[in-house]
């Protein structure tokens, strides 16, 4: 049985909106966080996207570690999108706690 995540103020399926919040990293996270006022599920994923990919955006420029962080970020990006589509509140250790607070 599918879980009901409620309606979104954008008029699209909440799981699709959550996936879209990760699609272009922190950029779509900010857009969906600002546009979505009603759905806490979408807002959680949007703010987690802003936090995680905003930080990774700066860290990939570190010498030696940038390439490794870029590859790890790509894998994390895929995992977060899949988990969002599956309907999970997949909370990362620090970013997930902040996202819970600000959703």
Protein backbone atom coordinates (compact mmCIF):
# COMPACT_ATOMS: atom_id res chain seq x y z
CA UNK A 1 0.00 0.00 0.00
CA UNK A 2 1.38 3.40 -0.97
CA UNK A 3 1.83 6.01 1.71
CA UNK A 4 0.03 9.29 1.22
CA UNK A 5 2.40 12.26 1.45
CA UNK A 6 -0.35 14.82 1.03
CA UNK A 7 -0.64 17.49 -1.60
CA UNK A 8 1.96 19.96 -2.69
CA UNK A 9 1.37 23.63 -3.31
CA UNK A 10 3.02 23.05 -6.72
CA UNK A 11 0.38 20.52 -7.78
CA UNK A 12 2.80 17.66 -8.50
CA UNK A 13 3.36 14.34 -6.79
CA UNK A 14 5.35 14.85 -3.56
CA UNK A 15 7.83 12.06 -4.37
CA UNK A 16 8.55 13.58 -7.78
CA UNK A 17 9.01 17.01 -6.20
CA UNK A 18 11.41 15.50 -3.63
CA UNK A 19 13.46 13.91 -6.42
CA UNK A 20 13.48 17.19 -8.33
CA UNK A 21 14.85 18.97 -5.26
CA UNK A 22 18.04 16.91 -5.72
CA UNK A 23 18.14 17.03 -9.53
CA UNK A 24 20.40 20.09 -9.89
CA UNK A 25 21.84 20.03 -6.41
CA UNK A 26 21.47 23.06 -4.19
CA UNK A 27 19.92 25.17 -6.96
CA UNK A 28 16.74 23.10 -7.29
CA UNK A 29 16.77 22.59 -3.54
CA UNK A 30 16.47 26.34 -3.00
CA UNK A 31 13.82 26.70 -5.69
CA UNK A 32 11.63 23.93 -4.30
CA UNK A 33 12.16 25.04 -0.70
CA UNK A 34 10.97 28.54 -1.58
CA UNK A 35 8.07 27.43 -3.79
CA UNK A 36 6.71 24.59 -1.67
CA UNK A 37 4.86 25.87 1.37
CA UNK A 38 2.58 22.98 2.32
CA UNK A 39 4.38 19.66 2.05
CA UNK A 40 6.90 18.85 4.80
CA UNK A 41 8.23 15.82 2.90
CA UNK A 42 9.27 17.95 -0.09
CA UNK A 43 10.62 20.74 2.13
CA UNK A 44 12.76 18.25 4.08
CA UNK A 45 14.39 16.91 0.92
CA UNK A 46 14.80 20.40 -0.54
CA UNK A 47 16.64 21.78 2.49
CA UNK A 48 18.77 18.64 2.81
CA UNK A 49 19.75 19.11 -0.84
CA UNK A 50 20.74 22.73 -0.21
CA UNK A 51 22.87 21.79 2.79
CA UNK A 52 24.59 18.71 1.34
CA UNK A 53 25.28 19.94 -2.16
CA UNK A 54 26.01 23.49 -1.07
CA UNK A 55 28.81 22.20 1.14
CA UNK A 56 30.03 19.70 -1.47
CA UNK A 57 30.09 22.47 -4.05
CA UNK A 58 32.86 24.15 -2.08
CA UNK A 59 34.71 21.03 -0.96
CA UNK A 60 35.29 19.67 -4.47
CA UNK A 61 37.81 22.46 -5.01
CA UNK A 62 40.14 21.10 -2.32
CA UNK A 63 43.42 19.86 -3.74
CA UNK A 64 43.79 16.07 -3.87
CA UNK A 65 40.39 15.37 -2.28
CA UNK A 66 38.24 17.21 -4.79
CA UNK A 67 38.02 14.36 -7.30
CA UNK A 68 37.20 11.81 -4.60
CA UNK A 69 34.58 14.09 -3.09
CA UNK A 70 33.13 14.70 -6.52
CA UNK A 71 32.73 10.98 -7.14
CA UNK A 72 31.32 10.40 -3.66
CA UNK A 73 28.95 13.33 -4.21
CA UNK A 74 27.71 11.78 -7.44
CA UNK A 75 26.96 8.47 -5.70
CA UNK A 76 25.28 10.33 -2.83
CA UNK A 77 23.21 12.32 -5.33
CA UNK A 78 21.94 9.08 -6.90
CA UNK A 79 21.19 7.49 -3.53
CA UNK A 80 19.30 10.53 -2.28
CA UNK A 81 17.17 10.71 -5.41
CA UNK A 82 16.30 7.00 -5.24
CA UNK A 83 15.45 7.21 -1.53
CA UNK A 84 13.28 10.29 -2.11
CA UNK A 85 11.40 8.52 -4.90
CA UNK A 86 10.88 5.49 -2.67
CA UNK A 87 9.23 7.75 -0.14
CA UNK A 88 11.89 7.61 2.58
CA UNK A 89 12.96 10.34 4.92
CA UNK A 90 16.59 9.39 4.36
CA UNK A 91 18.37 11.61 6.85
CA UNK A 92 22.08 12.17 6.53
CA UNK A 93 23.85 12.59 9.89
CA UNK A 94 24.22 16.37 10.15
CA UNK A 95 22.34 17.70 7.14
CA UNK A 96 19.30 15.56 7.92
CA UNK A 97 19.06 16.94 11.44
CA UNK A 98 19.22 20.51 10.15
CA UNK A 99 16.66 19.69 7.45
CA UNK A 100 14.31 18.28 10.12
CA UNK A 101 14.62 21.51 12.05
CA UNK A 102 13.93 23.84 9.12
CA UNK A 103 11.34 21.95 7.09
